[in-house]
Amino acid sequence: MSRAENSQFNVRSSFARTRAHELAKQTGMTATEVVEDALRSYVPPGAPAKVGRLVQRGGILVRRTGGAAVSLEEANAALDAVREGEG
């Protein structure tokens, strides 16, 4: 897209505006160039690849339900053991 079109894009986020200007100062670019560069590099997250028998629940992959149930206490005990180097 050409910048010669005299388009205007208003950013209402004070964080985005401030951060774009900070990056512009650091890089010697204009704020518009910083935003354009960021938008060119952005790749939206896609559907997760199937990984064996794992399925997505929210933002993480988990094992499908089925088999023996694990209680919260058992899960927490296993996590604590791994964190403490016992697992």
Protein backbone atom coordinates (compact mmCIF):
# COMPACT_ATOMS: atom_id res chain seq x y z
CA MET A 1 0.00 0.00 0.00
CA SER A 2 1.39 3.38 -0.94
CA ARG A 3 1.70 6.13 1.67
CA ALA A 4 0.97 8.73 -1.01
CA GLU A 5 -2.76 8.04 -0.67
CA ASN A 6 -3.07 10.52 2.23
CA SER A 7 -4.80 7.92 4.39
CA GLN A 8 -5.13 8.47 8.08
CA PHE A 9 -5.34 5.84 10.78
CA ASN A 10 -6.18 7.04 14.28
CA VAL A 11 -4.78 5.09 17.20
CA ARG A 12 -6.78 5.56 20.38
CA SER A 13 -4.48 3.47 22.56
CA SER A 14 -2.14 5.66 24.56
CA PHE A 15 0.20 2.68 25.02
CA ALA A 16 0.41 2.00 21.26
CA ARG A 17 0.96 5.67 20.47
CA THR A 18 3.65 6.08 23.13
CA ARG A 19 5.41 2.83 22.19
CA ALA A 20 5.39 3.66 18.47
CA HIS A 21 7.01 7.03 19.17
CA GLU A 22 9.59 5.46 21.52
CA LEU A 23 10.54 2.92 18.85
CA ALA A 24 10.66 5.66 16.22
CA LYS A 25 13.18 7.59 18.32
CA GLN A 26 15.30 4.49 18.92
CA THR A 27 15.34 3.41 15.29
CA GLY A 28 15.36 6.73 13.48
CA MET A 29 12.18 5.74 11.67
CA THR A 30 8.90 7.62 11.68
CA ALA A 31 6.04 6.34 13.82
CA THR A 32 4.20 5.44 10.61
CA GLU A 33 7.17 3.34 9.43
CA VAL A 34 7.32 1.58 12.81
CA VAL A 35 3.61 0.68 12.63
CA GLU A 36 3.86 -0.41 8.99
CA ASP A 37 6.88 -2.59 9.75
CA ALA A 38 5.12 -4.16 12.75
CA LEU A 39 2.00 -4.90 10.69
CA ARG A 40 4.07 -6.45 7.88
CA SER A 41 5.78 -8.78 10.37
CA TYR A 42 2.63 -9.81 12.25
CA VAL A 43 1.44 -13.33 11.61
CA PRO A 44 -1.86 -14.19 13.29
CA PRO A 45 -1.82 -17.41 15.28
CA GLY A 46 -3.18 -20.33 13.32
CA ALA A 47 -4.77 -23.52 14.40
CA PRO A 48 -2.28 -25.68 16.28
CA ALA A 49 -0.86 -28.60 14.42
CA LYS A 50 -2.11 -31.95 15.63
CA VAL A 51 0.44 -33.36 18.00
CA GLY A 52 -0.16 -37.03 18.57
CA ARG A 53 -3.22 -37.44 20.75
CA LEU A 54 -3.13 -33.90 22.16
CA VAL A 55 -5.98 -31.43 21.70
CA GLN A 56 -6.17 -27.72 22.30
CA ARG A 57 -7.93 -26.40 25.39
CA GLY A 58 -7.65 -22.64 25.47
CA GLY A 59 -4.05 -21.71 24.77
CA ILE A 60 -2.46 -25.05 25.63
CA LEU A 61 -2.36 -28.58 24.27
CA VAL A 62 -3.62 -31.28 26.62
CA ARG A 63 -4.15 -35.01 26.50
CA ARG A 64 -7.62 -36.12 25.45
CA THR A 65 -9.95 -37.23 28.17
CA GLY A 66 -10.19 -40.93 28.73
CA GLY A 67 -8.34 -43.47 30.76
CA ALA A 68 -7.79 -43.16 34.49
CA ALA A 69 -8.87 -39.90 36.11
CA VAL A 70 -6.26 -37.86 37.96
CA SER A 71 -7.35 -35.85 40.96
CA LEU A 72 -6.23 -32.28 41.55
CA GLU A 73 -4.24 -33.41 44.58
CA GLU A 74 -2.41 -36.07 42.54
CA ALA A 75 -1.65 -33.59 39.77
CA ASN A 76 -0.34 -30.98 42.24
CA ALA A 77 1.78 -33.60 44.02
CA ALA A 78 3.31 -34.69 40.71
CA LEU A 79 4.06 -31.08 39.74
CA ASP A 80 5.63 -30.38 43.14
CA ALA A 81 7.80 -33.50 42.85
CA VAL A 82 9.07 -32.43 39.42
CA ARG A 83 9.73 -28.88 40.61
CA GLU A 84 11.71 -30.20 43.58
CA GLY A 85 13.72 -32.57 41.40
CA GLU A 86 12.17 -35.75 42.75
CA GLY A 87 10.29 -36.71 39.62
